[in-house]
Each structure stands twice: as C-alpha cells, then as structure tokens.
Amino acid sequence: MISTQNKDLAQKWISAFNNKDLEALLALYHENASHYSPKLKQRQPETKGLIKGKDTLRAWWHDAFNRLPTLHYKLVKLTADEEQVFIEYIRQVKGEEDLNVGEVLQIKGGKIIYSRVYHG
C-alpha cells in the first residue's frame, strides 16, 4: 500500500538536504534513530558506518553540509509503503562525479527510526 504521509516525509527529507536545513532534517528523525552510510564508514571507520542518536546525526550532517556546500540530491524515484520509503537519487557535488544512491528510510510513528544508504 502506498503511503502518502511517508512520501511527503521523504519529500521533506530531500528538501532539507538540498536546503542544508539541519534542523528541518533532524525534525524528521526519532530521537534514538540510527543511520548507516558507506561514506560514514569511509570517513569515520571506528563507527563501522553506523551512528545512533540525534546528537550524532547532527554532528555528521553538520560536517557534511560544511564540507560539501554544493551538495545536491536530484530525485530519481520515490517508493513508499506504511513502514518505509525507498528513495533513488543522484548525489551531486561540484567537482565530483555524480553518484547514484539508494536510501531506505524506516518510519514508525511518523518519524524516521533507521536510514541506510546504498551507493551504486
């Protein structure tokens, strides 16, 4: 079943990234949310790619927004059901090759509880 509410949440997620609006982005996440990313694993190997909690998410994305001022996500496709959203997008950063990305957002009670990035 398609979830309009979760599709709307995913649209807000994309918008928050593209606007570098850290507070709007964090507002979509549960306080104890977890996030896995190959970029995180690469930049902070001690995490093994997984971070937990809003404070840690805040630090990770604050750093990303500062390091990558031209970061932009070009939405390709968004699929949602009642519990999760799958987003396909192109990660664009000036001076870097475009990167095809898939991201799964697991949602409970209207908040993201887990997100996982896949690079292809």
PDB file of N, CA and C in Angstrom:
ATOM      1  N   MET A   1       0.831  -1.187   0.000  1.00  0.00           N
ATOM      2  CA  MET A   1       0.000   0.000   0.000  1.00  0.00           C
ATOM      3  C   MET A   1       0.875   1.249   0.000  1.00  0.00           C
ATOM      4  N   ILE A   2       0.567   2.183  -0.839  1.00  0.00           N
ATOM      5  CA  ILE A   2       1.322   3.431  -0.930  1.00  0.00           C
ATOM      6  C   ILE A   2       0.937   4.343   0.230  1.00  0.00           C
ATOM      7  N   SER A   3       1.926   4.919   0.863  1.00  0.00           N
ATOM      8  CA  SER A   3       1.693   5.827   1.971  1.00  0.00           C
ATOM      9  C   SER A   3       1.990   7.262   1.554  1.00  0.00           C
ATOM     10  N   THR A   4       0.954   8.062   1.425  1.00  0.00           N
ATOM     11  CA  THR A   4       1.124   9.469   1.068  1.00  0.00           C
ATOM     12  C   THR A   4       1.888  10.196   2.165  1.00  0.00           C
ATOM     13  N   GLN A   5       1.595   9.873   3.412  1.00  0.00           N
ATOM     14  CA  GLN A   5       2.266  10.517   4.538  1.00  0.00           C
ATOM     15  C   GLN A   5       3.776  10.262   4.484  1.00  0.00           C
ATOM     16  N   ASN A   6       4.176   9.026   4.201  1.00  0.00           N
ATOM     17  CA  ASN A   6       5.596   8.717   4.148  1.00  0.00           C
ATOM     18  C   ASN A   6       6.259   9.298   2.905  1.00  0.00           C
ATOM     19  N   LYS A   7       5.519   9.392   1.805  1.00  0.00           N
ATOM     20  CA  LYS A   7       6.065  10.058   0.615  1.00  0.00           C
ATOM     21  C   LYS A   7       6.301  11.537   0.913  1.00  0.00           C
ATOM     22  N   ASP A   8       5.369  12.157   1.617  1.00  0.00           N
ATOM     23  CA  ASP A   8       5.528  13.564   1.996  1.00  0.00           C
ATOM     24  C   ASP A   8       6.753  13.749   2.896  1.00  0.00           C
ATOM     25  N   LEU A   9       6.949  12.826   3.841  1.00  0.00           N
ATOM     26  CA  LEU A   9       8.102  12.876   4.730  1.00  0.00           C
ATOM     27  C   LEU A   9       9.388  12.793   3.902  1.00  0.00           C
ATOM     28  N   ALA A  10       9.425  11.901   2.922  1.00  0.00           N
ATOM     29  CA  ALA A  10      10.609  11.748   2.077  1.00  0.00           C
ATOM     30  C   ALA A  10      10.872  12.996   1.242  1.00  0.00           C
ATOM     31  N   GLN A  11       9.821  13.639   0.765  1.00  0.00           N
ATOM     32  CA  GLN A  11       9.988  14.892   0.025  1.00  0.00           C
ATOM     33  C   GLN A  11      10.593  15.967   0.936  1.00  0.00           C
ATOM     34  N   LYS A  12      10.145  16.024   2.180  1.00  0.00           N
ATOM     35  CA  LYS A  12      10.704  16.974   3.151  1.00  0.00           C
ATOM     36  C   LYS A  12      12.175  16.649   3.420  1.00  0.00           C
ATOM     37  N   TRP A  13      12.490  15.359   3.433  1.00  0.00           N
ATOM     38  CA  TRP A  13      13.860  14.898   3.661  1.00  0.00           C
ATOM     39  C   TRP A  13      14.777  15.412   2.548  1.00  0.00           C
ATOM     40  N   ILE A  14      14.362  15.211   1.293  1.00  0.00           N
ATOM     41  CA  ILE A  14      15.135  15.689   0.135  1.00  0.00           C
ATOM     42  C   ILE A  14      15.293  17.211   0.200  1.00  0.00           C
ATOM     43  N   SER A  15      14.210  17.906   0.485  1.00  0.00           N
ATOM     44  CA  SER A  15      14.233  19.365   0.556  1.00  0.00           C
ATOM     45  C   SER A  15      15.187  19.851   1.651  1.00  0.00           C
ATOM     46  N   ALA A  16      15.151  19.209   2.810  1.00  0.00           N
ATOM     47  CA  ALA A  16      16.034  19.603   3.911  1.00  0.00           C
ATOM     48  C   ALA A  16      17.502  19.450   3.517  1.00  0.00           C
ATOM     49  N   PHE A  17      17.833  18.346   2.847  1.00  0.00           N
ATOM     50  CA  PHE A  17      19.212  18.174   2.381  1.00  0.00           C
ATOM     51  C   PHE A  17      19.582  19.252   1.367  1.00  0.00           C
ATOM     52  N   ASN A  18      18.735  19.466   0.396  1.00  0.00           N
ATOM     53  CA  ASN A  18      19.070  20.423  -0.655  1.00  0.00           C
ATOM     54  C   ASN A  18      19.134  21.858  -0.153  1.00  0.00           C
ATOM     55  N   ASN A  19      18.426  22.155   0.917  1.00  0.00           N
ATOM     56  CA  ASN A  19      18.456  23.494   1.512  1.00  0.00           C
ATOM     57  C   ASN A  19      19.480  23.608   2.642  1.00  0.00           C
ATOM     58  N   LYS A  20      20.192  22.508   2.913  1.00  0.00           N
ATOM     59  CA  LYS A  20      21.168  22.448   4.021  1.00  0.00           C
ATOM     60  C   LYS A  20      20.508  22.899   5.328  1.00  0.00           C
ATOM     61  N   ASP A  21      19.258  22.475   5.515  1.00  0.00           N
ATOM     62  CA  ASP A  21      18.483  22.848   6.697  1.00  0.00           C
ATOM     63  C   ASP A  21      18.571  21.713   7.721  1.00  0.00           C
ATOM     64  N   LEU A  22      19.599  21.783   8.540  1.00  0.00           N
ATOM     65  CA  LEU A  22      19.884  20.723   9.505  1.00  0.00           C
ATOM     66  C   LEU A  22      18.733  20.497  10.478  1.00  0.00           C
ATOM     67  N   GLU A  23      18.122  21.569  10.966  1.00  0.00           N
ATOM     68  CA  GLU A  23      17.032  21.415  11.940  1.00  0.00           C
ATOM     69  C   GLU A  23      15.803  20.767  11.302  1.00  0.00           C
ATOM     70  N   ALA A  24      15.483  21.141  10.070  1.00  0.00           N
ATOM     71  CA  ALA A  24      14.349  20.514   9.375  1.00  0.00           C
ATOM     72  C   ALA A  24      14.627  19.034   9.135  1.00  0.00           C
ATOM     73  N   LEU A  25      15.867  18.707   8.810  1.00  0.00           N
ATOM     74  CA  LEU A  25      16.245  17.311   8.591  1.00  0.00           C
ATOM     75  C   LEU A  25      16.121  16.516   9.879  1.00  0.00           C
ATOM     76  N   LEU A  26      16.684  17.018  10.948  1.00  0.00           N
ATOM     77  CA  LEU A  26      16.659  16.307  12.222  1.00  0.00           C
ATOM     78  C   LEU A  26      15.243  16.160  12.773  1.00  0.00           C
ATOM     79  N   ALA A  27      14.365  17.092  12.461  1.00  0.00           N
ATOM     80  CA  ALA A  27      12.978  17.025  12.928  1.00  0.00           C
ATOM     81  C   ALA A  27      12.256  15.800  12.365  1.00  0.00           C
ATOM     82  N   LEU A  28      12.769  15.238  11.269  1.00  0.00           N
ATOM     83  CA  LEU A  28      12.145  14.065  10.649  1.00  0.00           C
ATOM     84  C   LEU A  28      12.557  12.764  11.319  1.00  0.00           C
ATOM     85  N   TYR A  29      13.574  12.824  12.178  1.00  0.00           N
ATOM     86  CA  TYR A  29      14.141  11.633  12.813  1.00  0.00           C
ATOM     87  C   TYR A  29      13.687  11.472  14.261  1.00  0.00           C
ATOM     88  N   HIS A  30      13.521  10.222  14.667  1.00  0.00           N
ATOM     89  CA  HIS A  30      13.262   9.874  16.063  1.00  0.00           C
ATOM     90  C   HIS A  30      14.518  10.184  16.873  1.00  0.00           C
ATOM     91  N   GLU A  31      14.362  10.496  18.120  1.00  0.00           N
ATOM     92  CA  GLU A  31      15.475  10.857  18.998  1.00  0.00           C
ATOM     93  C   GLU A  31      16.581   9.794  19.008  1.00  0.00           C
ATOM     94  N   ASN A  32      16.206   8.514  18.941  1.00  0.00           N
ATOM     95  CA  ASN A  32      17.177   7.419  19.008  1.00  0.00           C
ATOM     96  C   ASN A  32      17.418   6.752  17.656  1.00  0.00           C
ATOM     97  N   ALA A  33      17.197   7.477  16.582  1.00  0.00           N
ATOM     98  CA  ALA A  33      17.350   6.920  15.235  1.00  0.00           C
ATOM     99  C   ALA A  33      18.789   6.477  14.971  1.00  0.00           C
ATOM    100  N   SER A  34      18.914   5.514  14.048  1.00  0.00           N
ATOM    101  CA  SER A  34      20.216   5.031  13.595  1.00  0.00           C
ATOM    102  C   SER A  34      20.358   5.327  12.113  1.00  0.00           C
ATOM    103  N   HIS A  35      21.613   5.492  11.686  1.00  0.00           N
ATOM    104  CA  HIS A  35      21.896   5.781  10.281  1.00  0.00           C
ATOM    105  C   HIS A  35      23.152   5.022   9.868  1.00  0.00           C
ATOM    106  N   TYR A  36      23.068   4.334   8.705  1.00  0.00           N
ATOM    107  CA  TYR A  36      24.219   3.634   8.150  1.00  0.00           C
ATOM    108  C   TYR A  36      24.552   4.228   6.787  1.00  0.00           C
ATOM    109  N   SER A  37      25.846   4.480   6.567  1.00  0.00           N
ATOM    110  CA  SER A  37      26.288   5.033   5.292  1.00  0.00           C
ATOM    111  C   SER A  37      27.701   4.557   4.971  1.00  0.00           C
ATOM    112  N   PRO A  38      27.941   4.156   3.705  1.00  0.00           N
ATOM    113  CA  PRO A  38      29.307   3.827   3.297  1.00  0.00           C
ATOM    114  C   PRO A  38      30.259   5.022   3.431  1.00  0.00           C
ATOM    115  N   LYS A  39      29.745   6.235   3.226  1.00  0.00           N
ATOM    116  CA  LYS A  39      30.582   7.436   3.383  1.00  0.00           C
ATOM    117  C   LYS A  39      31.001   7.605   4.836  1.00  0.00           C
ATOM    118  N   LEU A  40      30.100   7.312   5.740  1.00  0.00           N
ATOM    119  CA  LEU A  40      30.393   7.372   7.171  1.00  0.00           C
ATOM    120  C   LEU A  40      31.464   6.341   7.522  1.00  0.00           C
ATOM    121  N   LYS A  41      31.313   5.151   6.991  1.00  0.00           N
ATOM    122  CA  LYS A  41      32.289   4.078   7.224  1.00  0.00           C
ATOM    123  C   LYS A  41      33.670   4.492   6.709  1.00  0.00           C
ATOM    124  N   GLN A  42      33.687   5.184   5.579  1.00  0.00           N
ATOM    125  CA  GLN A  42      34.937   5.634   4.972  1.00  0.00           C
ATOM    126  C   GLN A  42      35.577   6.773   5.766  1.00  0.00           C
ATOM    127  N   ARG A  43      34.783   7.751   6.168  1.00  0.00           N
ATOM    128  CA  ARG A  43      35.314   8.940   6.856  1.00  0.00           C
ATOM    129  C   ARG A  43      35.559   8.715   8.341  1.00  0.00           C
ATOM    130  N   GLN A  44      34.753   7.842   8.951  1.00  0.00           N
ATOM    131  CA  GLN A  44      34.883   7.564  10.387  1.00  0.00           C
ATOM    132  C   GLN A  44      34.869   6.046  10.593  1.00  0.00           C
ATOM    133  N   PRO A  45      35.966   5.376  10.240  1.00  0.00           N
ATOM    134  CA  PRO A  45      35.999   3.901  10.274  1.00  0.00           C
ATOM    135  C   PRO A  45      35.627   3.299  11.624  1.00  0.00           C
ATOM    136  N   GLU A  46      35.882   4.016  12.693  1.00  0.00           N
ATOM    137  CA  GLU A  46      35.562   3.492  14.027  1.00  0.00           C
ATOM    138  C   GLU A  46      34.060   3.241  14.214  1.00  0.00           C
ATOM    139  N   THR A  47      33.229   3.900  13.422  1.00  0.00           N
ATOM    140  CA  THR A  47      31.776   3.719  13.526  1.00  0.00           C
ATOM    141  C   THR A  47      31.294   2.471  12.789  1.00  0.00           C
ATOM    142  N   LYS A  48      32.146   1.926  11.919  1.00  0.00           N
ATOM    143  CA  LYS A  48      31.768   0.816  11.036  1.00  0.00           C
ATOM    144  C   LYS A  48      30.561   1.192  10.174  1.00  0.00           C
ATOM    145  N   GLY A  49      30.379   2.506   9.979  1.00  0.00           N
ATOM    146  CA  GLY A  49      29.312   3.006   9.112  1.00  0.00           C
ATOM    147  C   GLY A  49      27.995   3.278   9.800  1.00  0.00           C
ATOM    148  N   LEU A  50      27.886   2.990  11.095  1.00  0.00           N
ATOM    149  CA  LEU A  50      26.609   3.122  11.805  1.00  0.00           C
ATOM    150  C   LEU A  50      26.723   4.113  12.954  1.00  0.00           C
ATOM    151  N   ILE A  51      25.806   5.089  12.953  1.00  0.00           N
ATOM    152  CA  ILE A  51      25.722   6.026  14.071  1.00  0.00           C
ATOM    153  C   ILE A  51      24.312   5.999  14.642  1.00  0.00           C
ATOM    154  N   LYS A  52      24.176   6.399  15.914  1.00  0.00           N
ATOM    155  CA  LYS A  52      22.884   6.349  16.604  1.00  0.00           C
ATOM    156  C   LYS A  52      22.655   7.629  17.398  1.00  0.00           C
ATOM    157  N   GLY A  53      21.420   8.079  17.390  1.00  0.00           N
ATOM    158  CA  GLY A  53      21.021   9.232  18.190  1.00  0.00           C
ATOM    159  C   GLY A  53      21.120  10.545  17.436  1.00  0.00           C
ATOM    160  N   LYS A  54      20.191  11.443  17.760  1.00  0.00           N
ATOM    161  CA  LYS A  54      20.114  12.728  17.048  1.00  0.00           C
ATOM    162  C   LYS A  54      21.379  13.569  17.186  1.00  0.00           C
ATOM    163  N   ASP A  55      22.027  13.538  18.348  1.00  0.00           N
ATOM    164  CA  ASP A  55      23.233  14.355  18.522  1.00  0.00           C
ATOM    165  C   ASP A  55      24.330  13.910  17.568  1.00  0.00           C
ATOM    166  N   THR A  56      24.461  12.602  17.384  1.00  0.00           N
ATOM    167  CA  THR A  56      25.472  12.072  16.470  1.00  0.00           C
ATOM    168  C   THR A  56      25.089  12.359  15.025  1.00  0.00           C
ATOM    169  N   LEU A  57      23.790  12.235  14.700  1.00  0.00           N
ATOM    170  CA  LEU A  57      23.315  12.582  13.362  1.00  0.00           C
ATOM    171  C   LEU A  57      23.590  14.058  13.072  1.00  0.00           C
ATOM    172  N   ARG A  58      23.319  14.905  14.047  1.00  0.00           N
ATOM    173  CA  ARG A  58      23.543  16.344  13.897  1.00  0.00           C
ATOM    174  C   ARG A  58      25.011  16.625  13.554  1.00  0.00           C
ATOM    175  N   ALA A  59      25.923  16.022  14.296  1.00  0.00           N
ATOM    176  CA  ALA A  59      27.354  16.246  14.063  1.00  0.00           C
ATOM    177  C   ALA A  59      27.768  15.764  12.668  1.00  0.00           C
ATOM    178  N   TRP A  60      27.265  14.591  12.242  1.00  0.00           N
ATOM    179  CA  TRP A  60      27.618  14.029  10.945  1.00  0.00           C
ATOM    180  C   TRP A  60      27.143  14.935   9.808  1.00  0.00           C
ATOM    181  N   TRP A  61      25.879  15.331   9.847  1.00  0.00           N
ATOM    182  CA  TRP A  61      25.343  16.142   8.759  1.00  0.00           C
ATOM    183  C   TRP A  61      25.836  17.585   8.805  1.00  0.00           C
ATOM    184  N   HIS A  62      26.083  18.102   9.990  1.00  0.00           N
ATOM    185  CA  HIS A  62      26.659  19.447  10.098  1.00  0.00           C
ATOM    186  C   HIS A  62      28.011  19.465   9.389  1.00  0.00           C
ATOM    187  N   ASP A  63      28.821  18.454   9.642  1.00  0.00           N
ATOM    188  CA  ASP A  63      30.121  18.331   8.981  1.00  0.00           C
ATOM    189  C   ASP A  63      29.950  18.215   7.464  1.00  0.00           C
ATOM    190  N   ALA A  64      29.004  17.378   7.024  1.00  0.00           N
ATOM    191  CA  ALA A  64      28.779  17.180   5.588  1.00  0.00           C
ATOM    192  C   ALA A  64      28.360  18.484   4.914  1.00  0.00           C
ATOM    193  N   PHE A  65      27.452  19.216   5.525  1.00  0.00           N
ATOM    194  CA  PHE A  65      26.989  20.476   4.935  1.00  0.00           C
ATOM    195  C   PHE A  65      28.125  21.498   4.854  1.00  0.00           C
ATOM    196  N   ASN A  66      29.006  21.503   5.850  1.00  0.00           N
ATOM    197  CA  ASN A  66      30.142  22.431   5.830  1.00  0.00           C
ATOM    198  C   ASN A  66      31.191  22.016   4.802  1.00  0.00           C
ATOM    199  N   ARG A  67      31.456  20.714   4.699  1.00  0.00           N
ATOM    200  CA  ARG A  67      32.456  20.205   3.757  1.00  0.00           C
ATOM    201  C   ARG A  67      31.996  20.273   2.317  1.00  0.00           C
ATOM    202  N   LEU A  68      30.674  20.122   2.111  1.00  0.00           N
ATOM    203  CA  LEU A  68      30.112  19.995   0.765  1.00  0.00           C
ATOM    204  C   LEU A  68      29.041  21.060   0.513  1.00  0.00           C
ATOM    205  N   PRO A  69      29.424  22.317   0.402  1.00  0.00           N
ATOM    206  CA  PRO A  69      28.423  23.381   0.253  1.00  0.00           C
ATOM    207  C   PRO A  69      27.590  23.271  -1.022  1.00  0.00           C
ATOM    208  N   THR A  70      28.088  22.541  -2.023  1.00  0.00           N
ATOM    209  CA  THR A  70      27.326  22.395  -3.276  1.00  0.00           C
ATOM    210  C   THR A  70      26.542  21.084  -3.328  1.00  0.00           C
ATOM    211  N   LEU A  71      26.497  20.338  -2.231  1.00  0.00           N
ATOM    212  CA  LEU A  71      25.774  19.068  -2.194  1.00  0.00           C
ATOM    213  C   LEU A  71      24.320  19.256  -2.621  1.00  0.00           C
ATOM    214  N   HIS A  72      23.891  18.403  -3.554  1.00  0.00           N
ATOM    215  CA  HIS A  72      22.514  18.455  -4.042  1.00  0.00           C
ATOM    216  C   HIS A  72      22.063  17.036  -4.372  1.00  0.00           C
ATOM    217  N   TYR A  73      20.833  16.712  -3.980  1.00  0.00           N
ATOM    218  CA  TYR A  73      20.251  15.419  -4.308  1.00  0.00           C
ATOM    219  C   TYR A  73      19.192  15.614  -5.385  1.00  0.00           C
ATOM    220  N   LYS A  74      19.404  14.966  -6.529  1.00  0.00           N
ATOM    221  CA  LYS A  74      18.437  15.011  -7.627  1.00  0.00           C
ATOM    222  C   LYS A  74      17.574  13.754  -7.538  1.00  0.00           C
ATOM    223  N   LEU A  75      16.316  13.945  -7.193  1.00  0.00           N
ATOM    224  CA  LEU A  75      15.407  12.820  -7.011  1.00  0.00           C
ATOM    225  C   LEU A  75      15.169  12.096  -8.328  1.00  0.00           C
ATOM    226  N   VAL A  76      15.289  10.768  -8.297  1.00  0.00           N
ATOM    227  CA  VAL A  76      15.013   9.928  -9.452  1.00  0.00           C
ATOM    228  C   VAL A  76      13.688   9.207  -9.249  1.00  0.00           C
ATOM    229  N   LYS A  77      13.523   8.564  -8.081  1.00  0.00           N
ATOM    230  CA  LYS A  77      12.295   7.816  -7.808  1.00  0.00           C
ATOM    231  C   LYS A  77      12.111   7.681  -6.307  1.00  0.00           C
ATOM    232  N   LEU A  78      10.839   7.670  -5.926  1.00  0.00           N
ATOM    233  CA  LEU A  78      10.492   7.546  -4.520  1.00  0.00           C
ATOM    234  C   LEU A  78       9.352   6.536  -4.406  1.00  0.00           C
ATOM    235  N   THR A  79       9.549   5.509  -3.603  1.00  0.00           N
ATOM    236  CA  THR A  79       8.530   4.485  -3.398  1.00  0.00           C
ATOM    237  C   THR A  79       8.298   4.346  -1.897  1.00  0.00           C
ATOM    238  N   ALA A  80       7.025   4.339  -1.481  1.00  0.00           N
ATOM    239  CA  ALA A  80       6.733   4.299  -0.051  1.00  0.00           C
ATOM    240  C   ALA A  80       5.610   3.321   0.255  1.00  0.00           C
ATOM    241  N   ASP A  81       5.717   2.707   1.437  1.00  0.00           N
ATOM    242  CA  ASP A  81       4.590   1.965   1.982  1.00  0.00           C
ATOM    243  C   ASP A  81       4.369   2.483   3.401  1.00  0.00           C
ATOM    244  N   GLU A  82       3.648   1.742   4.203  1.00  0.00           N
ATOM    245  CA  GLU A  82       3.295   2.223   5.548  1.00  0.00           C
ATOM    246  C   GLU A  82       4.467   2.236   6.523  1.00  0.00           C
ATOM    247  N   GLU A  83       5.552   1.497   6.213  1.00  0.00           N
ATOM    248  CA  GLU A  83       6.654   1.378   7.161  1.00  0.00           C
ATOM    249  C   GLU A  83       7.989   1.900   6.663  1.00  0.00           C
ATOM    250  N   GLN A  84       8.138   2.033   5.339  1.00  0.00           N
ATOM    251  CA  GLN A  84       9.420   2.510   4.841  1.00  0.00           C
ATOM    252  C   GLN A  84       9.296   3.195   3.492  1.00  0.00           C
ATOM    253  N   VAL A  85      10.370   3.910   3.181  1.00  0.00           N
ATOM    254  CA  VAL A  85      10.460   4.626   1.918  1.00  0.00           C
ATOM    255  C   VAL A  85      11.779   4.222   1.267  1.00  0.00           C
ATOM    256  N   PHE A  86      11.724   3.984  -0.036  1.00  0.00           N
ATOM    257  CA  PHE A  86      12.950   3.776  -0.803  1.00  0.00           C
ATOM    258  C   PHE A  86      13.102   4.963  -1.736  1.00  0.00           C
ATOM    259  N   ILE A  87      14.231   5.644  -1.624  1.00  0.00           N
ATOM    260  CA  ILE A  87      14.498   6.828  -2.427  1.00  0.00           C
ATOM    261  C   ILE A  87      15.692   6.542  -3.334  1.00  0.00           C
ATOM    262  N   GLU A  88      15.523   6.801  -4.601  1.00  0.00           N
ATOM    263  CA  GLU A  88      16.647   6.765  -5.529  1.00  0.00           C
ATOM    264  C   GLU A  88      16.949   8.210  -5.889  1.00  0.00           C
ATOM    265  N   TYR A  89      18.234   8.582  -5.791  1.00  0.00           N
ATOM    266  CA  TYR A  89      18.621   9.946  -6.136  1.00  0.00           C
ATOM    267  C   TYR A  89      20.053   9.964  -6.649  1.00  0.00           C
ATOM    268  N   ILE A  90      20.404  11.068  -7.258  1.00  0.00           N
ATOM    269  CA  ILE A  90      21.766  11.280  -7.730  1.00  0.00           C
ATOM    270  C   ILE A  90      22.404  12.307  -6.811  1.00  0.00           C
ATOM    271  N   ARG A  91      23.490  11.913  -6.174  1.00  0.00           N
ATOM    272  CA  ARG A  91      24.232  12.813  -5.291  1.00  0.00           C
ATOM    273  C   ARG A  91      25.170  13.629  -6.167  1.00  0.00           C
ATOM    274  N   GLN A  92      24.977  14.942  -6.130  1.00  0.00           N
ATOM    275  CA  GLN A  92      25.775  15.833  -6.956  1.00  0.00           C
ATOM    276  C   GLN A  92      26.560  16.796  -6.067  1.00  0.00           C
ATOM    277  N   VAL A  93      27.860  16.859  -6.332  1.00  0.00           N
ATOM    278  CA  VAL A  93      28.743  17.785  -5.639  1.00  0.00           C
ATOM    279  C   VAL A  93      29.674  18.364  -6.696  1.00  0.00           C
ATOM    280  N   LYS A  94      29.751  19.673  -6.768  1.00  0.00           N
ATOM    281  CA  LYS A  94      30.605  20.325  -7.762  1.00  0.00           C
ATOM    282  C   LYS A  94      32.036  19.809  -7.617  1.00  0.00           C
ATOM    283  N   GLY A  95      32.613  19.389  -8.759  1.00  0.00           N
ATOM    284  CA  GLY A  95      33.982  18.890  -8.763  1.00  0.00           C
ATOM    285  C   GLY A  95      34.108  17.393  -8.525  1.00  0.00           C
ATOM    286  N   GLU A  96      32.984  16.722  -8.236  1.00  0.00           N
ATOM    287  CA  GLU A  96      32.980  15.276  -8.031  1.00  0.00           C
ATOM    288  C   GLU A  96      32.074  14.626  -9.076  1.00  0.00           C
ATOM    289  N   GLU A  97      32.349  13.371  -9.348  1.00  0.00           N
ATOM    290  CA  GLU A  97      31.489  12.617 -10.250  1.00  0.00           C
ATOM    291  C   GLU A  97      30.142  12.362  -9.569  1.00  0.00           C
ATOM    292  N   ASP A  98      29.046  12.464 -10.337  1.00  0.00           N
ATOM    293  CA  ASP A  98      27.721  12.166  -9.791  1.00  0.00           C
ATOM    294  C   ASP A  98      27.703  10.736  -9.266  1.00  0.00           C
ATOM    295  N   LEU A  99      26.970  10.517  -8.187  1.00  0.00           N
ATOM    296  CA  LEU A  99      26.897   9.212  -7.552  1.00  0.00           C
ATOM    297  C   LEU A  99      25.437   8.770  -7.466  1.00  0.00           C
ATOM    298  N   ASN A 100      25.132   7.597  -8.025  1.00  0.00           N
ATOM    299  CA  ASN A 100      23.785   7.034  -7.897  1.00  0.00           C
ATOM    300  C   ASN A 100      23.633   6.466  -6.496  1.00  0.00           C
ATOM    301  N   VAL A 101      22.530   6.835  -5.846  1.00  0.00           N
ATOM    302  CA  VAL A 101      22.313   6.447  -4.460  1.00  0.00           C
ATOM    303  C   VAL A 101      20.904   5.897  -4.284  1.00  0.00           C
ATOM    304  N   GLY A 102      20.798   4.885  -3.451  1.00  0.00           N
ATOM    305  CA  GLY A 102      19.518   4.398  -2.965  1.00  0.00           C
ATOM    306  C   GLY A 102      19.529   4.565  -1.457  1.00  0.00           C
ATOM    307  N   GLU A 103      18.413   4.955  -0.894  1.00  0.00           N
ATOM    308  CA  GLU A 103      18.345   5.118   0.560  1.00  0.00           C
ATOM    309  C   GLU A 103      17.007   4.609   1.044  1.00  0.00           C
ATOM    310  N   VAL A 104      17.063   3.832   2.118  1.00  0.00           N
ATOM    311  CA  VAL A 104      15.862   3.313   2.739  1.00  0.00           C
ATOM    312  C   VAL A 104      15.651   4.046   4.056  1.00  0.00           C
ATOM    313  N   LEU A 105      14.447   4.563   4.234  1.00  0.00           N
ATOM    314  CA  LEU A 105      14.050   5.207   5.487  1.00  0.00           C
ATOM    315  C   LEU A 105      12.996   4.315   6.143  1.00  0.00           C
ATOM    316  N   GLN A 106      13.287   3.805   7.324  1.00  0.00           N
ATOM    317  CA  GLN A 106      12.284   3.057   8.077  1.00  0.00           C
ATOM    318  C   GLN A 106      11.578   4.048   8.998  1.00  0.00           C
ATOM    319  N   ILE A 107      10.247   3.995   8.968  1.00  0.00           N
ATOM    320  CA  ILE A 107       9.450   5.005   9.660  1.00  0.00           C
ATOM    321  C   ILE A 107       8.493   4.349  10.652  1.00  0.00           C
ATOM    322  N   LYS A 108       8.431   4.952  11.819  1.00  0.00           N
ATOM    323  CA  LYS A 108       7.495   4.481  12.851  1.00  0.00           C
ATOM    324  C   LYS A 108       6.956   5.710  13.575  1.00  0.00           C
ATOM    325  N   GLY A 109       5.641   5.790  13.678  1.00  0.00           N
ATOM    326  CA  GLY A 109       5.031   6.931  14.369  1.00  0.00           C
ATOM    327  C   GLY A 109       5.328   8.260  13.703  1.00  0.00           C
ATOM    328  N   GLY A 110       5.503   8.257  12.388  1.00  0.00           N
ATOM    329  CA  GLY A 110       5.739   9.491  11.656  1.00  0.00           C
ATOM    330  C   GLY A 110       7.165  10.013  11.704  1.00  0.00           C
ATOM    331  N   LYS A 111       8.089   9.242  12.294  1.00  0.00           N
ATOM    332  CA  LYS A 111       9.493   9.653  12.386  1.00  0.00           C
ATOM    333  C   LYS A 111      10.390   8.556  11.808  1.00  0.00           C
ATOM    334  N   ILE A 112      11.514   8.956  11.252  1.00  0.00           N
ATOM    335  CA  ILE A 112      12.495   8.005  10.747  1.00  0.00           C
ATOM    336  C   ILE A 112      13.218   7.385  11.941  1.00  0.00           C
ATOM    337  N   ILE A 113      13.212   6.054  11.994  1.00  0.00           N
ATOM    338  CA  ILE A 113      13.902   5.360  13.080  1.00  0.00           C
ATOM    339  C   ILE A 113      15.221   4.752  12.612  1.00  0.00           C
ATOM    340  N   TYR A 114      15.348   4.546  11.294  1.00  0.00           N
ATOM    341  CA  TYR A 114      16.563   3.983  10.732  1.00  0.00           C
ATOM    342  C   TYR A 114      16.671   4.395   9.269  1.00  0.00           C
ATOM    343  N   SER A 115      17.862   4.767   8.874  1.00  0.00           N
ATOM    344  CA  SER A 115      18.104   5.055   7.460  1.00  0.00           C
ATOM    345  C   SER A 115      19.386   4.347   7.039  1.00  0.00           C
ATOM    346  N   ARG A 116      19.378   3.873   5.795  1.00  0.00           N
ATOM    347  CA  ARG A 116      20.533   3.167   5.251  1.00  0.00           C
ATOM    348  C   ARG A 116      20.767   3.611   3.822  1.00  0.00           C
ATOM    349  N   VAL A 117      22.021   3.955   3.556  1.00  0.00           N
ATOM    350  CA  VAL A 117      22.435   4.443   2.247  1.00  0.00           C
ATOM    351  C   VAL A 117      23.097   3.308   1.471  1.00  0.00           C
ATOM    352  N   TYR A 118      22.776   3.239   0.169  1.00  0.00           N
ATOM    353  CA  TYR A 118      23.412   2.292  -0.751  1.00  0.00           C
ATOM    354  C   TYR A 118      23.978   3.091  -1.905  1.00  0.00           C
ATOM    355  N   HIS A 119      25.266   2.912  -2.197  1.00  0.00           N
ATOM    356  CA  HIS A 119      25.887   3.586  -3.336  1.00  0.00           C
ATOM    357  C   HIS A 119      26.052   2.596  -4.478  1.00  0.00           C
ATOM    358  N   GLY A 120      25.810   3.082  -5.696  1.00  0.00           N
ATOM    359  CA  GLY A 120      25.943   2.188  -6.835  1.00  0.00           C
ATOM    360  C   GLY A 120      26.657   2.846  -7.974  1.00  0.00           C
TER     361      GLY A 120
END
